[in-house]
């Protein structure tokens, strides 16, 4: 599914919304965070790198957009309690939560399953699957307090159709798609929380560079080029859409 071709975000389309973005220190996460703040959202920036978060925070402030908040967290080492502490802080500071973008991801290595190290497999699933589950569960009550909450999982074509050597990353993205659909089905009839996924297609990023080190970046979209579909899915104009698998750039077969 694609967003409407002619859709453009209104200036304050996210005004009054608090949106949590993981992996907000760089790449797509940083670009979407800036875009959300520019359109009126109070953005909660989550990443393991404090320096990167500060740079995004400063950029938002320099642009004169809605002030953001910083929440440093390493998803790989985070415990169940850490996620409930995060939810408690958001409730104290914002009162509710209107959106979550599960953007943070770990690639690990492109190797055959037969040679995949078990420890690395567990680490990748912790960041890409377990952390989004724990975060969503901890924040679910806050999301239910919103009049229109949107949870968005960053997806990948290899999570929708397996590809050799993508191992734990592909498996985690496939599981995330199923988690998205499960949540959407559970929440559709008795809450105002909608849950969807978005495959942005090939985008310049550190993860993409690891996967395709010899690729010409000039052939790829930049993080800013995929902000618009994120704004649509996180914003009010996609109200009523849940359990959908969105794609940003045609029928993409690869992603950052």
Protein backbone atom coordinates (compact mmCIF):
# COMPACT_ATOMS: atom_id res chain seq x y z
CA UNK A 1 0.00 0.00 0.00
CA UNK A 2 1.18 3.54 -0.79
CA UNK A 3 0.22 6.89 0.63
CA UNK A 4 -1.86 9.13 -1.70
CA UNK A 5 0.33 10.53 -4.48
CA UNK A 6 -0.98 14.06 -4.06
CA UNK A 7 -0.84 14.16 -0.26
CA UNK A 8 1.14 16.98 1.31
CA UNK A 9 1.34 17.66 5.07
CA UNK A 10 -0.26 20.80 6.41
CA UNK A 11 2.08 23.02 8.42
CA UNK A 12 0.73 22.10 11.88
CA UNK A 13 -0.72 18.67 11.06
CA UNK A 14 0.99 17.11 14.09
CA UNK A 15 0.37 19.92 16.55
CA UNK A 16 -0.52 18.67 20.02
CA UNK A 17 0.92 15.21 19.42
CA UNK A 18 3.75 13.62 21.39
CA UNK A 19 5.70 11.18 19.21
CA UNK A 20 8.46 8.82 20.32
CA UNK A 21 11.10 7.93 17.72
CA UNK A 22 13.75 5.25 18.27
CA UNK A 23 17.03 5.49 16.41
CA UNK A 24 16.45 9.24 16.24
CA UNK A 25 20.13 10.17 16.34
CA UNK A 26 20.84 9.74 12.63
CA UNK A 27 19.52 8.69 9.23
CA UNK A 28 15.80 8.24 8.72
CA UNK A 29 15.05 8.58 12.43
CA UNK A 30 16.72 11.99 12.63
CA UNK A 31 15.06 13.20 9.42
CA UNK A 32 11.60 12.08 10.56
CA UNK A 33 12.14 13.62 14.00
CA UNK A 34 12.96 16.98 12.42
CA UNK A 35 9.98 16.65 10.09
CA UNK A 36 7.60 15.85 12.93
CA UNK A 37 8.87 18.78 15.00
CA UNK A 38 8.55 21.09 11.98
CA UNK A 39 4.89 20.09 11.70
CA UNK A 40 4.09 20.76 15.33
CA UNK A 41 4.81 17.52 17.21
CA UNK A 42 6.59 17.26 20.53
CA UNK A 43 9.19 14.67 19.61
CA UNK A 44 10.85 12.34 22.10
CA UNK A 45 14.24 11.46 20.66
CA UNK A 46 15.53 8.01 21.68
CA UNK A 47 18.94 6.65 20.72
CA UNK A 48 22.00 5.15 22.38
CA UNK A 49 24.26 8.03 21.28
CA UNK A 50 23.81 11.13 23.43
CA UNK A 51 25.96 13.20 21.12
CA UNK A 52 23.83 12.30 18.10
CA UNK A 53 20.63 13.09 20.01
CA UNK A 54 22.01 16.46 21.02
CA UNK A 55 22.81 17.28 17.41
CA UNK A 56 19.26 16.48 16.30
CA UNK A 57 17.85 18.41 19.27
CA UNK A 58 20.01 21.43 18.38
CA UNK A 59 18.93 21.27 14.73
CA UNK A 60 15.26 21.28 15.75
CA UNK A 61 15.83 24.19 18.10
CA UNK A 62 17.82 26.15 15.49
CA UNK A 63 14.97 25.73 13.01
CA UNK A 64 12.58 27.30 15.51
CA UNK A 65 10.36 24.23 15.56
CA UNK A 66 8.52 22.61 18.46
CA UNK A 67 11.02 21.76 21.18
CA UNK A 68 12.06 18.11 21.43
CA UNK A 69 13.03 15.93 24.39
CA UNK A 70 16.03 13.61 24.64
CA UNK A 71 15.88 10.12 26.14
CA UNK A 72 19.16 8.16 25.81
CA UNK A 73 18.69 4.38 25.79
CA UNK A 74 20.64 1.44 24.40
CA UNK A 75 17.93 -0.94 23.17
CA UNK A 76 20.32 -3.87 23.09
CA UNK A 77 20.96 -3.71 26.82
CA UNK A 78 17.61 -2.30 27.97
CA UNK A 79 15.61 -4.32 30.49
CA UNK A 80 11.87 -4.65 30.92
CA UNK A 81 12.06 -2.14 33.78
CA UNK A 82 13.86 0.37 31.56
CA UNK A 83 10.90 0.46 29.19
CA UNK A 84 8.41 0.95 31.99
CA UNK A 85 10.62 3.73 33.35
CA UNK A 86 10.52 5.33 29.89
CA UNK A 87 6.72 5.11 29.83
CA UNK A 88 6.56 6.64 33.31
CA UNK A 89 8.74 9.56 32.26
CA UNK A 90 6.62 10.20 29.16
CA UNK A 91 3.45 10.14 31.25
CA UNK A 92 4.94 12.58 33.74
CA UNK A 93 6.25 15.00 31.12
CA UNK A 94 3.61 14.73 28.38
CA UNK A 95 0.53 13.09 29.91
CA UNK A 96 -0.08 10.89 26.86
CA UNK A 97 1.63 9.42 23.82
CA UNK A 98 0.22 9.89 20.33
CA UNK A 99 2.75 8.09 18.19
CA UNK A 100 5.67 5.67 18.18
CA UNK A 101 8.09 5.08 15.32
CA UNK A 102 10.10 1.87 15.76
CA UNK A 103 12.97 2.95 13.55
CA UNK A 104 16.10 1.68 15.35
CA UNK A 105 17.60 -1.43 13.76
CA UNK A 106 20.70 -3.61 13.79
CA UNK A 107 21.94 -5.45 10.70
CA UNK A 108 24.71 -7.55 12.22
CA UNK A 109 26.21 -9.51 9.35
CA UNK A 110 25.23 -10.94 5.99
CA UNK A 111 26.16 -14.62 6.34
CA UNK A 112 24.52 -18.00 5.70
CA UNK A 113 22.30 -19.27 8.49
CA UNK A 114 24.61 -22.27 8.84
CA UNK A 115 27.42 -19.94 9.95
CA UNK A 116 25.40 -17.38 11.90
CA UNK A 117 26.75 -16.88 15.42
CA UNK A 118 24.06 -17.50 18.02
CA UNK A 119 25.09 -14.53 20.18
CA UNK A 120 24.86 -12.12 17.24
CA UNK A 121 21.46 -13.61 16.29
CA UNK A 122 20.14 -12.93 19.80
CA UNK A 123 21.53 -9.36 19.81
CA UNK A 124 19.85 -8.51 16.51
CA UNK A 125 16.49 -9.89 17.62
CA UNK A 126 16.82 -7.96 20.88
CA UNK A 127 17.13 -4.62 19.06
CA UNK A 128 14.84 -5.28 16.10
CA UNK A 129 12.05 -7.34 17.70
CA UNK A 130 12.18 -7.70 21.48
CA UNK A 131 12.77 -4.00 22.14
CA UNK A 132 9.81 -2.84 19.98
CA UNK A 133 7.60 -5.40 21.74
CA UNK A 134 8.70 -4.30 25.21
CA UNK A 135 8.45 -0.61 24.34
CA UNK A 136 5.00 -0.90 22.78
CA UNK A 137 3.66 -2.97 25.67
CA UNK A 138 5.04 -0.53 28.26
CA UNK A 139 3.53 2.46 26.43
CA UNK A 140 0.20 0.90 25.48
CA UNK A 141 -1.81 2.53 28.27
CA UNK A 142 -0.39 5.93 27.29
CA UNK A 143 -1.25 5.34 23.64
CA UNK A 144 -4.80 4.41 24.61
CA UNK A 145 -5.21 7.81 26.29
CA UNK A 146 -4.65 9.50 22.94
CA UNK A 147 -7.66 10.39 20.77
CA UNK A 148 -5.73 9.15 17.72
CA UNK A 149 -2.54 7.14 18.31
CA UNK A 150 -0.32 5.68 15.60
CA UNK A 151 2.34 2.99 16.03
CA UNK A 152 4.62 2.56 13.03
CA UNK A 153 7.13 -0.25 12.50
CA UNK A 154 10.00 0.39 10.07
CA UNK A 155 9.90 -2.56 7.71
CA UNK A 156 12.01 -4.02 4.92
CA UNK A 157 11.35 -6.02 1.78
CA UNK A 158 13.47 -8.88 3.17
CA UNK A 159 11.02 -9.07 6.05
CA UNK A 160 8.18 -9.58 3.61
CA UNK A 161 10.06 -12.09 1.46
CA UNK A 162 13.20 -13.82 2.76
CA UNK A 163 16.52 -13.33 1.00
CA UNK A 164 19.72 -15.36 1.27
CA UNK A 165 22.27 -14.23 3.86
CA UNK A 166 20.02 -11.66 5.57
CA UNK A 167 19.56 -14.06 8.49
CA UNK A 168 18.51 -12.55 11.80
CA UNK A 169 17.77 -9.14 10.29
CA UNK A 170 15.26 -10.58 7.80
CA UNK A 171 13.77 -12.88 10.44
CA UNK A 172 13.35 -9.98 12.88
CA UNK A 173 11.66 -7.83 10.26
CA UNK A 174 9.31 -10.67 9.29
CA UNK A 175 8.41 -11.13 12.95
CA UNK A 176 7.89 -7.37 13.30
CA UNK A 177 5.41 -7.46 10.42
CA UNK A 178 3.48 -10.21 12.19
CA UNK A 179 3.66 -8.35 15.51
CA UNK A 180 2.29 -5.26 13.75
CA UNK A 181 -0.64 -7.22 12.31
CA UNK A 182 -1.32 -8.93 15.64
CA UNK A 183 -1.38 -5.63 17.50
CA UNK A 184 -3.53 -4.00 14.82
CA UNK A 185 -6.07 -6.81 15.05
CA UNK A 186 -6.14 -6.73 18.84
CA UNK A 187 -6.51 -2.95 19.06
CA UNK A 188 -8.77 -2.21 16.09
CA UNK A 189 -12.20 -2.71 17.62
CA UNK A 190 -11.82 -1.41 21.17
CA UNK A 191 -9.14 1.32 21.05
CA UNK A 192 -8.12 4.36 19.01
CA UNK A 193 -4.62 2.97 18.43
CA UNK A 194 -3.68 2.06 14.87
CA UNK A 195 -0.61 0.02 13.95
CA UNK A 196 1.12 -0.15 10.56
CA UNK A 197 4.48 -0.81 8.91
CA UNK A 198 6.47 1.10 6.29
CA UNK A 199 9.17 -0.12 3.92
CA UNK A 200 10.98 3.01 2.75
CA UNK A 201 12.90 1.32 -0.06
CA UNK A 202 16.66 1.92 -0.57
CA UNK A 203 17.78 4.94 1.46
CA UNK A 204 21.24 6.27 2.29
CA UNK A 205 22.15 5.16 5.82
CA UNK A 206 24.91 3.59 7.89
CA UNK A 207 23.05 0.26 7.83
CA UNK A 208 22.68 0.42 4.05
CA UNK A 209 26.40 1.15 3.69
CA UNK A 210 27.27 -1.97 5.68
CA UNK A 211 25.02 -4.12 3.51
CA UNK A 212 26.15 -2.59 0.20
CA UNK A 213 29.61 -1.02 0.72
CA UNK A 214 30.32 -0.58 -2.98
CA UNK A 215 27.01 1.06 -3.85
CA UNK A 216 26.88 4.54 -5.35
CA UNK A 217 24.92 6.66 -2.83
CA UNK A 218 23.86 9.02 -5.60
CA UNK A 219 21.50 6.30 -6.85
CA UNK A 220 19.62 6.22 -3.54
CA UNK A 221 16.99 8.34 -1.89
CA UNK A 222 18.10 10.41 1.08
CA UNK A 223 16.50 10.20 4.54
CA UNK A 224 14.66 13.48 3.89
CA UNK A 225 13.03 11.93 0.81
CA UNK A 226 11.02 9.47 2.92
CA UNK A 227 9.81 11.85 5.63
CA UNK A 228 6.49 12.53 3.88
CA UNK A 229 5.09 8.96 4.15
CA UNK A 230 6.08 8.86 7.83
CA UNK A 231 4.18 12.09 8.47
CA UNK A 232 1.13 10.70 6.71
CA UNK A 233 1.03 7.46 8.71
CA UNK A 234 1.81 9.14 12.04
CA UNK A 235 -0.63 11.98 11.39
CA UNK A 236 -4.41 12.44 11.33
CA UNK A 237 -4.94 11.98 7.60
CA UNK A 238 -4.33 8.22 7.88
CA UNK A 239 -6.85 7.81 10.68
CA UNK A 240 -8.77 4.55 10.29
CA UNK A 241 -5.95 2.74 8.49
CA UNK A 242 -4.48 -0.08 10.56
CA UNK A 243 -2.76 -3.38 9.89
CA UNK A 244 -1.44 -2.03 6.57
CA UNK A 245 1.96 -2.69 4.99
CA UNK A 246 3.01 0.59 3.39
CA UNK A 247 5.78 0.97 0.82
CA UNK A 248 7.37 4.34 0.12
CA UNK A 249 9.24 3.85 -3.17
CA UNK A 250 7.34 1.74 -5.66
CA UNK A 251 7.68 -2.03 -5.24
CA UNK A 252 11.07 -1.88 -3.58
CA UNK A 253 13.08 -5.05 -3.22
CA UNK A 254 15.76 -3.71 -0.92
CA UNK A 255 15.99 -1.24 1.91
CA UNK A 256 18.43 0.64 4.11
